[in-house]
Amino acid sequence: MRHLEETGQVGRELTIDRAGTGARRRGNMEGVKTRPGLDRDESPPAVFKESQGASLRHIPSSDNRSAGAQIGRQIKGLPNGTKIIIKGVD
């Protein structure tokens, strides 16, 4: 969540676009090496159309996968093209 907050994605409207996820992720990850125990986190996540040219950071794998799973559960069943807003928690 910190990466999303620091890059201004919390409160911003994002568009679900599952079909383009792989291409955006490949483009965003190009040239960024992996590190043991860390994932390359995208902000905003690749499932959103606005992710092209996303900010990338290495974060603990468990944090990244947990956040991704939470977002995935929350958008499950919503069709591509749906606009969502990620909200921060207090």
PDB file of N, CA and C in Angstrom:
ATOM      1  N   MET A   1       0.820  -1.190   0.000  1.00  0.00           N
ATOM      2  CA  MET A   1       0.000   0.000   0.000  1.00  0.00           C
ATOM      3  C   MET A   1       0.867   1.259   0.000  1.00  0.00           C
ATOM      4  N   ARG A   2       2.020   1.197   0.665  1.00  0.00           N
ATOM      5  CA  ARG A   2       2.892   2.367   0.733  1.00  0.00           C
ATOM      6  C   ARG A   2       3.297   2.834  -0.664  1.00  0.00           C
ATOM      7  N   HIS A   3       3.663   1.888  -1.535  1.00  0.00           N
ATOM      8  CA  HIS A   3       4.076   2.239  -2.898  1.00  0.00           C
ATOM      9  C   HIS A   3       2.931   2.942  -3.626  1.00  0.00           C
ATOM     10  N   LEU A   4       1.719   2.431  -3.475  1.00  0.00           N
ATOM     11  CA  LEU A   4       0.551   3.066  -4.102  1.00  0.00           C
ATOM     12  C   LEU A   4       0.349   4.484  -3.566  1.00  0.00           C
ATOM     13  N   GLU A   5       0.498   4.647  -2.259  1.00  0.00           N
ATOM     14  CA  GLU A   5       0.333   5.970  -1.659  1.00  0.00           C
ATOM     15  C   GLU A   5       1.413   6.930  -2.140  1.00  0.00           C
ATOM     16  N   GLU A   6       2.661   6.474  -2.136  1.00  0.00           N
ATOM     17  CA  GLU A   6       3.782   7.347  -2.492  1.00  0.00           C
ATOM     18  C   GLU A   6       3.794   7.734  -3.967  1.00  0.00           C
ATOM     19  N   THR A   7       3.109   6.973  -4.801  1.00  0.00           N
ATOM     20  CA  THR A   7       3.063   7.297  -6.230  1.00  0.00           C
ATOM     21  C   THR A   7       1.733   7.937  -6.634  1.00  0.00           C
ATOM     22  N   GLY A   8       0.921   8.300  -5.650  1.00  0.00           N
ATOM     23  CA  GLY A   8      -0.312   9.029  -5.925  1.00  0.00           C
ATOM     24  C   GLY A   8      -1.441   8.199  -6.507  1.00  0.00           C
ATOM     25  N   GLN A   9      -1.412   6.890  -6.309  1.00  0.00           N
ATOM     26  CA  GLN A   9      -2.447   6.031  -6.883  1.00  0.00           C
ATOM     27  C   GLN A   9      -3.663   5.874  -5.980  1.00  0.00           C
ATOM     28  N   VAL A  10      -3.502   6.092  -4.677  1.00  0.00           N
ATOM     29  CA  VAL A  10      -4.632   5.998  -3.755  1.00  0.00           C
ATOM     30  C   VAL A  10      -5.553   7.185  -4.028  1.00  0.00           C
ATOM     31  N   GLY A  11      -6.822   6.897  -4.254  1.00  0.00           N
ATOM     32  CA  GLY A  11      -7.804   7.927  -4.550  1.00  0.00           C
ATOM     33  C   GLY A  11      -7.923   8.262  -6.025  1.00  0.00           C
ATOM     34  N   ARG A  12      -7.075   7.687  -6.848  1.00  0.00           N
ATOM     35  CA  ARG A  12      -7.093   7.934  -8.296  1.00  0.00           C
ATOM     36  C   ARG A  12      -7.993   6.906  -8.975  1.00  0.00           C
ATOM     37  N   GLU A  13      -8.723   7.321  -9.995  1.00  0.00           N
ATOM     38  CA  GLU A  13      -9.559   6.392 -10.748  1.00  0.00           C
ATOM     39  C   GLU A  13      -8.678   5.534 -11.654  1.00  0.00           C
ATOM     40  N   LEU A  14      -8.879   4.214 -11.590  1.00  0.00           N
ATOM     41  CA  LEU A  14      -8.134   3.249 -12.402  1.00  0.00           C
ATOM     42  C   LEU A  14      -9.122   2.366 -13.153  1.00  0.00           C
ATOM     43  N   THR A  15      -8.710   1.884 -14.322  1.00  0.00           N
ATOM     44  CA  THR A  15      -9.580   1.103 -15.201  1.00  0.00           C
ATOM     45  C   THR A  15      -9.116  -0.341 -15.271  1.00  0.00           C
ATOM     46  N   ILE A  16      -9.989  -1.285 -14.930  1.00  0.00           N
ATOM     47  CA  ILE A  16      -9.648  -2.706 -15.014  1.00  0.00           C
ATOM     48  C   ILE A  16      -9.479  -3.092 -16.479  1.00  0.00           C
ATOM     49  N   ASP A  17      -8.343  -3.725 -16.797  1.00  0.00           N
ATOM     50  CA  ASP A  17      -8.050  -4.173 -18.166  1.00  0.00           C
ATOM     51  C   ASP A  17      -7.187  -5.432 -18.086  1.00  0.00           C
ATOM     52  N   ARG A  18      -7.842  -6.555 -17.789  1.00  0.00           N
ATOM     53  CA  ARG A  18      -7.113  -7.813 -17.612  1.00  0.00           C
ATOM     54  C   ARG A  18      -6.393  -8.253 -18.883  1.00  0.00           C
ATOM     55  N   ALA A  19      -6.999  -7.999 -20.046  1.00  0.00           N
ATOM     56  CA  ALA A  19      -6.428  -8.472 -21.309  1.00  0.00           C
ATOM     57  C   ALA A  19      -5.040  -7.892 -21.564  1.00  0.00           C
ATOM     58  N   GLY A  20      -4.772  -6.696 -21.119  1.00  0.00           N
ATOM     59  CA  GLY A  20      -3.478  -6.065 -21.368  1.00  0.00           C
ATOM     60  C   GLY A  20      -2.463  -6.244 -20.260  1.00  0.00           C
ATOM     61  N   THR A  21      -2.820  -7.015 -19.225  1.00  0.00           N
ATOM     62  CA  THR A  21      -1.946  -7.155 -18.062  1.00  0.00           C
ATOM     63  C   THR A  21      -0.553  -7.652 -18.425  1.00  0.00           C
ATOM     64  N   GLY A  22      -0.471  -8.736 -19.180  1.00  0.00           N
ATOM     65  CA  GLY A  22       0.828  -9.329 -19.507  1.00  0.00           C
ATOM     66  C   GLY A  22       1.731  -8.385 -20.273  1.00  0.00           C
ATOM     67  N   ALA A  23       1.191  -7.715 -21.271  1.00  0.00           N
ATOM     68  CA  ALA A  23       1.995  -6.793 -22.080  1.00  0.00           C
ATOM     69  C   ALA A  23       2.482  -5.613 -21.242  1.00  0.00           C
ATOM     70  N   ARG A  24       1.601  -5.062 -20.403  1.00  0.00           N
ATOM     71  CA  ARG A  24       2.029  -3.942 -19.548  1.00  0.00           C
ATOM     72  C   ARG A  24       3.096  -4.397 -18.567  1.00  0.00           C
ATOM     73  N   ARG A  25       2.906  -5.572 -17.974  1.00  0.00           N
ATOM     74  CA  ARG A  25       3.886  -6.063 -17.011  1.00  0.00           C
ATOM     75  C   ARG A  25       5.246  -6.272 -17.681  1.00  0.00           C
ATOM     76  N   ARG A  26       5.248  -6.900 -18.855  1.00  0.00           N
ATOM     77  CA  ARG A  26       6.526  -7.109 -19.565  1.00  0.00           C
ATOM     78  C   ARG A  26       7.216  -5.775 -19.846  1.00  0.00           C
ATOM     79  N   GLY A  27       6.462  -4.810 -20.316  1.00  0.00           N
ATOM     80  CA  GLY A  27       7.041  -3.500 -20.597  1.00  0.00           C
ATOM     81  C   GLY A  27       7.560  -2.810 -19.350  1.00  0.00           C
ATOM     82  N   ASN A  28       6.805  -2.898 -18.269  1.00  0.00           N
ATOM     83  CA  ASN A  28       7.212  -2.250 -17.021  1.00  0.00           C
ATOM     84  C   ASN A  28       8.438  -2.905 -16.398  1.00  0.00           C
ATOM     85  N   MET A  29       8.564  -4.218 -16.547  1.00  0.00           N
ATOM     86  CA  MET A  29       9.654  -4.957 -15.906  1.00  0.00           C
ATOM     87  C   MET A  29      10.939  -4.987 -16.740  1.00  0.00           C
ATOM     88  N   GLU A  30      10.834  -4.597 -17.990  1.00  0.00           N
ATOM     89  CA  GLU A  30      11.986  -4.683 -18.888  1.00  0.00           C
ATOM     90  C   GLU A  30      13.185  -3.931 -18.304  1.00  0.00           C
ATOM     91  N   GLY A  31      14.300  -4.645 -18.210  1.00  0.00           N
ATOM     92  CA  GLY A  31      15.537  -4.050 -17.729  1.00  0.00           C
ATOM     93  C   GLY A  31      15.664  -3.951 -16.221  1.00  0.00           C
ATOM     94  N   VAL A  32      14.648  -4.390 -15.475  1.00  0.00           N
ATOM     95  CA  VAL A  32      14.702  -4.340 -14.011  1.00  0.00           C
ATOM     96  C   VAL A  32      14.989  -5.743 -13.507  1.00  0.00           C
ATOM     97  N   LYS A  33      16.155  -5.929 -12.926  1.00  0.00           N
ATOM     98  CA  LYS A  33      16.579  -7.258 -12.476  1.00  0.00           C
ATOM     99  C   LYS A  33      15.839  -7.680 -11.212  1.00  0.00           C
ATOM    100  N   THR A  34      15.698  -8.995 -11.079  1.00  0.00           N
ATOM    101  CA  THR A  34      15.101  -9.552  -9.871  1.00  0.00           C
ATOM    102  C   THR A  34      16.135  -9.561  -8.753  1.00  0.00           C
ATOM    103  N   ARG A  35      15.646  -9.669  -7.518  1.00  0.00           N
ATOM    104  CA  ARG A  35      16.506  -9.775  -6.339  1.00  0.00           C
ATOM    105  C   ARG A  35      15.944 -10.889  -5.458  1.00  0.00           C
ATOM    106  N   PRO A  36      16.819 -11.689  -4.851  1.00  0.00           N
ATOM    107  CA  PRO A  36      16.345 -12.791  -4.003  1.00  0.00           C
ATOM    108  C   PRO A  36      15.432 -12.289  -2.877  1.00  0.00           C
ATOM    109  N   GLY A  37      14.287 -12.961  -2.732  1.00  0.00           N
ATOM    110  CA  GLY A  37      13.353 -12.652  -1.655  1.00  0.00           C
ATOM    111  C   GLY A  37      12.492 -11.424  -1.887  1.00  0.00           C
ATOM    112  N   LEU A  38      12.692 -10.770  -3.032  1.00  0.00           N
ATOM    113  CA  LEU A  38      11.936  -9.557  -3.325  1.00  0.00           C
ATOM    114  C   LEU A  38      11.183  -9.705  -4.637  1.00  0.00           C
ATOM    115  N   ASP A  39      10.053  -9.038  -4.733  1.00  0.00           N
ATOM    116  CA  ASP A  39       9.293  -8.954  -5.981  1.00  0.00           C
ATOM    117  C   ASP A  39       9.452  -7.549  -6.542  1.00  0.00           C
ATOM    118  N   ARG A  40       9.250  -7.436  -7.830  1.00  0.00           N
ATOM    119  CA  ARG A  40       9.209  -6.124  -8.474  1.00  0.00           C
ATOM    120  C   ARG A  40       7.753  -5.672  -8.439  1.00  0.00           C
ATOM    121  N   ASP A  41       7.478  -4.693  -7.617  1.00  0.00           N
ATOM    122  CA  ASP A  41       6.116  -4.197  -7.401  1.00  0.00           C
ATOM    123  C   ASP A  41       5.830  -3.044  -8.343  1.00  0.00           C
ATOM    124  N   GLU A  42       4.679  -3.101  -9.001  1.00  0.00           N
ATOM    125  CA  GLU A  42       4.257  -2.043  -9.912  1.00  0.00           C
ATOM    126  C   GLU A  42       3.201  -1.171  -9.247  1.00  0.00           C
ATOM    127  N   SER A  43       3.277   0.110  -9.501  1.00  0.00           N
ATOM    128  CA  SER A  43       2.250   1.028  -9.022  1.00  0.00           C
ATOM    129  C   SER A  43       1.910   2.000 -10.135  1.00  0.00           C
ATOM    130  N   PRO A  44       0.673   1.914 -10.647  1.00  0.00           N
ATOM    131  CA  PRO A  44      -0.401   1.015 -10.255  1.00  0.00           C
ATOM    132  C   PRO A  44      -0.166  -0.398 -10.781  1.00  0.00           C
ATOM    133  N   PRO A  45      -0.865  -1.384 -10.213  1.00  0.00           N
ATOM    134  CA  PRO A  45      -0.717  -2.770 -10.653  1.00  0.00           C
ATOM    135  C   PRO A  45      -1.061  -2.948 -12.131  1.00  0.00           C
ATOM    136  N   ALA A  46      -0.444  -3.951 -12.741  1.00  0.00           N
ATOM    137  CA  ALA A  46      -0.576  -4.191 -14.186  1.00  0.00           C
ATOM    138  C   ALA A  46      -1.996  -4.517 -14.632  1.00  0.00           C
ATOM    139  N   VAL A  47      -2.865  -4.930 -13.738  1.00  0.00           N
ATOM    140  CA  VAL A  47      -4.249  -5.247 -14.110  1.00  0.00           C
ATOM    141  C   VAL A  47      -5.024  -3.986 -14.512  1.00  0.00           C
ATOM    142  N   PHE A  48      -4.469  -2.831 -14.215  1.00  0.00           N
ATOM    143  CA  PHE A  48      -5.125  -1.573 -14.552  1.00  0.00           C
ATOM    144  C   PHE A  48      -4.500  -0.945 -15.793  1.00  0.00           C
ATOM    145  N   LYS A  49      -5.352  -0.442 -16.658  1.00  0.00           N
ATOM    146  CA  LYS A  49      -4.931   0.163 -17.926  1.00  0.00           C
ATOM    147  C   LYS A  49      -3.881   1.256 -17.714  1.00  0.00           C
ATOM    148  N   GLU A  50      -3.991   1.980 -16.640  1.00  0.00           N
ATOM    149  CA  GLU A  50      -3.099   3.104 -16.353  1.00  0.00           C
ATOM    150  C   GLU A  50      -1.714   2.667 -15.887  1.00  0.00           C
ATOM    151  N   SER A  51      -1.464   1.365 -15.858  1.00  0.00           N
ATOM    152  CA  SER A  51      -0.193   0.825 -15.375  1.00  0.00           C
ATOM    153  C   SER A  51       0.957   0.955 -16.364  1.00  0.00           C
ATOM    154  N   GLN A  52       0.685   1.258 -17.613  1.00  0.00           N
ATOM    155  CA  GLN A  52       1.773   1.384 -18.585  1.00  0.00           C
ATOM    156  C   GLN A  52       2.734   2.471 -18.104  1.00  0.00           C
ATOM    157  N   GLY A  53       4.019   2.120 -17.995  1.00  0.00           N
ATOM    158  CA  GLY A  53       5.009   3.057 -17.485  1.00  0.00           C
ATOM    159  C   GLY A  53       4.956   3.212 -15.975  1.00  0.00           C
ATOM    160  N   ALA A  54       4.466   2.186 -15.275  1.00  0.00           N
ATOM    161  CA  ALA A  54       4.290   2.223 -13.823  1.00  0.00           C
ATOM    162  C   ALA A  54       5.606   2.421 -13.083  1.00  0.00           C
ATOM    163  N   SER A  55       5.497   2.911 -11.861  1.00  0.00           N
ATOM    164  CA  SER A  55       6.631   2.972 -10.948  1.00  0.00           C
ATOM    165  C   SER A  55       6.956   1.548 -10.505  1.00  0.00           C
ATOM    166  N   LEU A  56       8.235   1.218 -10.418  1.00  0.00           N
ATOM    167  CA  LEU A  56       8.661  -0.118  -9.974  1.00  0.00           C
ATOM    168  C   LEU A  56       9.557  -0.002  -8.759  1.00  0.00           C
ATOM    169  N   ARG A  57       9.330  -0.891  -7.789  1.00  0.00           N
ATOM    170  CA  ARG A  57      10.175  -0.981  -6.598  1.00  0.00           C
ATOM    171  C   ARG A  57      10.319  -2.442  -6.214  1.00  0.00           C
ATOM    172  N   HIS A  58      11.436  -2.762  -5.631  1.00  0.00           N
ATOM    173  CA  HIS A  58      11.609  -4.094  -5.048  1.00  0.00           C
ATOM    174  C   HIS A  58      11.049  -4.047  -3.629  1.00  0.00           C
ATOM    175  N   ILE A  59      10.118  -4.956  -3.341  1.00  0.00           N
ATOM    176  CA  ILE A  59       9.539  -5.049  -2.002  1.00  0.00           C
ATOM    177  C   ILE A  59       9.504  -6.523  -1.602  1.00  0.00           C
ATOM    178  N   PRO A  60       9.350  -6.820  -0.299  1.00  0.00           N
ATOM    179  CA  PRO A  60       9.278  -8.220   0.117  1.00  0.00           C
ATOM    180  C   PRO A  60       8.183  -8.969  -0.647  1.00  0.00           C
ATOM    181  N   SER A  61       8.524 -10.160  -1.106  1.00  0.00           N
ATOM    182  CA  SER A  61       7.594 -10.969  -1.904  1.00  0.00           C
ATOM    183  C   SER A  61       6.266 -11.173  -1.195  1.00  0.00           C
ATOM    184  N   SER A  62       6.304 -11.452   0.102  1.00  0.00           N
ATOM    185  CA  SER A  62       5.060 -11.715   0.835  1.00  0.00           C
ATOM    186  C   SER A  62       4.150 -10.490   0.835  1.00  0.00           C
ATOM    187  N   ASP A  63       4.712  -9.295   0.960  1.00  0.00           N
ATOM    188  CA  ASP A  63       3.903  -8.071   0.938  1.00  0.00           C
ATOM    189  C   ASP A  63       3.252  -7.876  -0.425  1.00  0.00           C
ATOM    190  N   ASN A  64       4.039  -8.055  -1.482  1.00  0.00           N
ATOM    191  CA  ASN A  64       3.534  -7.848  -2.833  1.00  0.00           C
ATOM    192  C   ASN A  64       2.434  -8.846  -3.174  1.00  0.00           C
ATOM    193  N   ARG A  65       2.643 -10.087  -2.835  1.00  0.00           N
ATOM    194  CA  ARG A  65       1.668 -11.124  -3.188  1.00  0.00           C
ATOM    195  C   ARG A  65       0.391 -10.992  -2.370  1.00  0.00           C
ATOM    196  N   SER A  66       0.522 -10.582  -1.127  1.00  0.00           N
ATOM    197  CA  SER A  66      -0.659 -10.355  -0.293  1.00  0.00           C
ATOM    198  C   SER A  66      -1.490  -9.195  -0.845  1.00  0.00           C
ATOM    199  N   ALA A  67      -0.832  -8.098  -1.177  1.00  0.00           N
ATOM    200  CA  ALA A  67      -1.547  -6.937  -1.718  1.00  0.00           C
ATOM    201  C   ALA A  67      -2.206  -7.282  -3.048  1.00  0.00           C
ATOM    202  N   GLY A  68      -1.496  -8.006  -3.905  1.00  0.00           N
ATOM    203  CA  GLY A  68      -2.059  -8.404  -5.196  1.00  0.00           C
ATOM    204  C   GLY A  68      -3.277  -9.292  -5.036  1.00  0.00           C
ATOM    205  N   ALA A  69      -3.209 -10.213  -4.078  1.00  0.00           N
ATOM    206  CA  ALA A  69      -4.342 -11.106  -3.830  1.00  0.00           C
ATOM    207  C   ALA A  69      -5.549 -10.321  -3.311  1.00  0.00           C
ATOM    208  N   GLN A  70      -5.305  -9.349  -2.452  1.00  0.00           N
ATOM    209  CA  GLN A  70      -6.402  -8.535  -1.925  1.00  0.00           C
ATOM    210  C   GLN A  70      -7.084  -7.740  -3.034  1.00  0.00           C
ATOM    211  N   ILE A  71      -6.286  -7.118  -3.890  1.00  0.00           N
ATOM    212  CA  ILE A  71      -6.868  -6.367  -5.006  1.00  0.00           C
ATOM    213  C   ILE A  71      -7.627  -7.320  -5.922  1.00  0.00           C
ATOM    214  N   GLY A  72      -7.035  -8.477  -6.214  1.00  0.00           N
ATOM    215  CA  GLY A  72      -7.688  -9.461  -7.077  1.00  0.00           C
ATOM    216  C   GLY A  72      -9.043  -9.896  -6.544  1.00  0.00           C
ATOM    217  N   ARG A  73      -9.126 -10.139  -5.232  1.00  0.00           N
ATOM    218  CA  ARG A  73     -10.407 -10.531  -4.623  1.00  0.00           C
ATOM    219  C   ARG A  73     -11.433  -9.404  -4.729  1.00  0.00           C
ATOM    220  N   GLN A  74     -10.977  -8.182  -4.555  1.00  0.00           N
ATOM    221  CA  GLN A  74     -11.914  -7.061  -4.559  1.00  0.00           C
ATOM    222  C   GLN A  74     -12.442  -6.725  -5.949  1.00  0.00           C
ATOM    223  N   ILE A  75     -11.674  -7.036  -6.993  1.00  0.00           N
ATOM    224  CA  ILE A  75     -12.163  -6.734  -8.350  1.00  0.00           C
ATOM    225  C   ILE A  75     -12.724  -7.968  -9.053  1.00  0.00           C
ATOM    226  N   LYS A  76     -12.680  -9.114  -8.379  1.00  0.00           N
ATOM    227  CA  LYS A  76     -13.222 -10.342  -8.971  1.00  0.00           C
ATOM    228  C   LYS A  76     -14.688 -10.122  -9.347  1.00  0.00           C
ATOM    229  N   GLY A  77     -15.027 -10.518 -10.548  1.00  0.00           N
ATOM    230  CA  GLY A  77     -16.401 -10.388 -11.006  1.00  0.00           C
ATOM    231  C   GLY A  77     -16.715  -9.051 -11.662  1.00  0.00           C
ATOM    232  N   LEU A  78     -15.833  -8.082 -11.518  1.00  0.00           N
ATOM    233  CA  LEU A  78     -16.053  -6.800 -12.188  1.00  0.00           C
ATOM    234  C   LEU A  78     -15.543  -6.909 -13.619  1.00  0.00           C
ATOM    235  N   PRO A  79     -16.299  -6.416 -14.586  1.00  0.00           N
ATOM    236  CA  PRO A  79     -15.869  -6.543 -15.979  1.00  0.00           C
ATOM    237  C   PRO A  79     -14.738  -5.578 -16.336  1.00  0.00           C
ATOM    238  N   ASN A  80     -13.989  -5.947 -17.381  1.00  0.00           N
ATOM    239  CA  ASN A  80     -12.992  -5.036 -17.934  1.00  0.00           C
ATOM    240  C   ASN A  80     -13.680  -3.728 -18.287  1.00  0.00           C
ATOM    241  N   GLY A  81     -12.979  -2.645 -18.093  1.00  0.00           N
ATOM    242  CA  GLY A  81     -13.541  -1.323 -18.362  1.00  0.00           C
ATOM    243  C   GLY A  81     -14.140  -0.667 -17.133  1.00  0.00           C
ATOM    244  N   THR A  82     -14.327  -1.452 -16.061  1.00  0.00           N
ATOM    245  CA  THR A  82     -14.859  -0.893 -14.824  1.00  0.00           C
ATOM    246  C   THR A  82     -13.831   0.055 -14.216  1.00  0.00           C
ATOM    247  N   LYS A  83     -14.285   1.200 -13.778  1.00  0.00           N
ATOM    248  CA  LYS A  83     -13.434   2.186 -13.107  1.00  0.00           C
ATOM    249  C   LYS A  83     -13.529   1.945 -11.606  1.00  0.00           C
ATOM    250  N   ILE A  84     -12.374   1.898 -10.956  1.00  0.00           N
ATOM    251  CA  ILE A  84     -12.348   1.705  -9.507  1.00  0.00           C
ATOM    252  C   ILE A  84     -11.441   2.775  -8.892  1.00  0.00           C
ATOM    253  N   ILE A  85     -11.562   2.932  -7.596  1.00  0.00           N
ATOM    254  CA  ILE A  85     -10.676   3.823  -6.855  1.00  0.00           C
ATOM    255  C   ILE A  85     -10.115   3.032  -5.685  1.00  0.00           C
ATOM    256  N   ILE A  86      -8.785   2.991  -5.579  1.00  0.00           N
ATOM    257  CA  ILE A  86      -8.132   2.334  -4.446  1.00  0.00           C
ATOM    258  C   ILE A  86      -8.139   3.320  -3.287  1.00  0.00           C
ATOM    259  N   LYS A  87      -8.666   2.869  -2.163  1.00  0.00           N
ATOM    260  CA  LYS A  87      -8.738   3.724  -0.981  1.00  0.00           C
ATOM    261  C   LYS A  87      -7.712   3.268   0.037  1.00  0.00           C
ATOM    262  N   GLY A  88      -7.117   4.209   0.728  1.00  0.00           N
ATOM    263  CA  GLY A  88      -6.188   3.897   1.801  1.00  0.00           C
ATOM    264  C   GLY A  88      -6.953   3.493   3.047  1.00  0.00           C
ATOM    265  N   VAL A  89      -6.254   2.901   3.965  1.00  0.00           N
ATOM    266  CA  VAL A  89      -6.868   2.518   5.238  1.00  0.00           C
ATOM    267  C   VAL A  89      -6.167   3.265   6.359  1.00  0.00           C
ATOM    268  N   ASP A  90      -6.930   3.584   7.383  1.00  0.00           N
ATOM    269  CA  ASP A  90      -6.362   4.290   8.539  1.00  0.00           C
ATOM    270  C   ASP A  90      -5.914   3.316   9.585  1.00  0.00           C
TER     271      ASP A  90
END
